[in-house]
């Protein structure tokens, strides 16, 4: 899978997504795009998943006809994300076009 990390996604997470290609939005110059524009830009070159910690994205965008899947983290602090790394990897691996998966990351 081709996975796009937006600016809020912890970069160390990429090392846990073996077998996938991970690109950071800022590397493409997309880190300042609005959510709708970011999704459109990501679909053009064929990204399969957008991994983000922007919890509002699913409410702002209609995913019905999208080819890209969203995996959303409720928090982006790396020490907290590490605790649920298996859930994140499983959600990415199970992502289907137009799907939305929310990964709840507890504070404790």
Protein backbone atom coordinates (compact mmCIF):
# COMPACT_ATOMS: atom_id res chain seq x y z
CA UNK A 1 0.00 0.00 0.00
CA UNK A 2 0.98 3.58 -0.59
CA UNK A 3 0.40 5.50 2.65
CA UNK A 4 0.40 9.26 3.17
CA UNK A 5 1.24 10.66 6.61
CA UNK A 6 -0.14 14.14 7.17
CA UNK A 7 1.74 16.65 9.28
CA UNK A 8 0.14 15.39 12.52
CA UNK A 9 1.21 11.75 12.16
CA UNK A 10 4.24 10.69 14.21
CA UNK A 11 7.04 9.87 11.74
CA UNK A 12 8.45 6.91 13.76
CA UNK A 13 5.22 5.04 13.00
CA UNK A 14 6.44 4.42 9.44
CA UNK A 15 8.98 1.84 10.62
CA UNK A 16 6.11 -0.36 11.88
CA UNK A 17 4.39 -0.41 8.50
CA UNK A 18 6.67 -2.96 6.87
CA UNK A 19 5.79 -3.84 3.32
CA UNK A 20 4.13 -0.48 2.70
CA UNK A 21 5.50 2.70 1.17
CA UNK A 22 5.10 5.71 3.45
CA UNK A 23 5.37 9.31 2.24
CA UNK A 24 5.02 12.40 4.40
CA UNK A 25 2.76 15.17 3.11
CA UNK A 26 5.44 17.78 3.72
CA UNK A 27 7.82 15.89 1.41
CA UNK A 28 5.32 16.51 -1.40
CA UNK A 29 4.66 20.10 -0.36
CA UNK A 30 1.14 19.15 0.73
CA UNK A 31 1.47 19.96 4.43
CA UNK A 32 -0.46 23.23 4.08
CA UNK A 33 -3.35 21.91 1.98
CA UNK A 34 -6.86 21.85 3.39
CA UNK A 35 -8.30 18.41 4.04
CA UNK A 36 -10.35 18.22 0.84
CA UNK A 37 -7.44 19.37 -1.30
CA UNK A 38 -5.10 16.97 0.48
CA UNK A 39 -7.38 14.01 -0.22
CA UNK A 40 -7.71 15.00 -3.88
CA UNK A 41 -3.95 15.42 -4.30
CA UNK A 42 -3.29 12.11 -2.57
CA UNK A 43 -5.71 10.23 -4.83
CA UNK A 44 -4.10 11.47 -8.05
CA UNK A 45 -0.86 9.48 -7.66
CA UNK A 46 -2.74 6.54 -6.10
CA UNK A 47 -2.26 6.78 -2.36
CA UNK A 48 -4.29 4.04 -0.66
CA UNK A 49 -4.40 5.41 2.91
CA UNK A 50 -4.17 8.79 4.60
CA UNK A 51 -2.97 8.39 8.18
CA UNK A 52 -3.77 11.44 10.26
CA UNK A 53 -4.46 12.72 13.76
CA UNK A 54 -6.91 15.32 12.45
CA UNK A 55 -10.03 14.11 14.22
CA UNK A 56 -12.31 16.45 12.30
CA UNK A 57 -11.45 15.22 8.82
CA UNK A 58 -14.18 12.56 8.65
CA UNK A 59 -16.84 15.14 9.52
CA UNK A 60 -15.54 17.62 6.96
CA UNK A 61 -15.25 15.21 4.03
CA UNK A 62 -17.61 12.87 2.24
CA UNK A 63 -15.74 9.59 1.75
CA UNK A 64 -18.45 7.86 -0.26
CA UNK A 65 -16.77 8.07 -3.67
CA UNK A 66 -13.18 8.33 -2.46
CA UNK A 67 -10.52 5.85 -3.52
CA UNK A 68 -8.41 6.66 -0.47
CA UNK A 69 -9.04 5.27 3.02
CA UNK A 70 -8.68 7.29 6.22
CA UNK A 71 -7.08 5.99 9.37
CA UNK A 72 -7.41 8.58 12.12
CA UNK A 73 -5.54 8.61 15.41
CA UNK A 74 -7.28 10.34 18.32
CA UNK A 75 -3.89 11.53 19.60
CA UNK A 76 -0.51 11.99 17.98
CA UNK A 77 1.98 11.86 20.87
CA UNK A 78 4.42 9.12 19.93
CA UNK A 79 4.67 7.63 23.44
CA UNK A 80 0.88 7.15 23.43
CA UNK A 81 0.67 5.88 19.84
CA UNK A 82 3.30 3.23 20.62
CA UNK A 83 0.89 1.62 23.08
CA UNK A 84 -1.63 0.84 20.31
CA UNK A 85 0.77 0.17 17.46
CA UNK A 86 -0.83 -3.21 16.67
CA UNK A 87 -4.23 -1.57 16.24
CA UNK A 88 -2.78 1.05 13.92
CA UNK A 89 -1.00 -1.53 11.78
CA UNK A 90 -4.12 -3.72 11.64
CA UNK A 91 -6.28 -0.75 10.60
CA UNK A 92 -3.87 0.19 7.83
CA UNK A 93 -3.68 -3.40 6.59
CA UNK A 94 -7.49 -3.71 6.56
CA UNK A 95 -8.17 -0.33 4.92
CA UNK A 96 -10.47 -0.36 1.91
CA UNK A 97 -11.14 2.48 -0.56
CA UNK A 98 -13.43 5.07 1.03
CA UNK A 99 -13.25 3.53 4.50
CA UNK A 100 -12.79 5.39 7.76
CA UNK A 101 -11.18 3.88 10.83
CA UNK A 102 -10.76 5.72 14.12
CA UNK A 103 -8.02 4.47 16.45
CA UNK A 104 -8.75 5.54 20.00
CA UNK A 105 -5.52 6.30 21.82
CA UNK A 106 -6.09 6.55 25.56
CA UNK A 107 -4.10 9.00 27.65
CA UNK A 108 -3.39 6.37 30.32
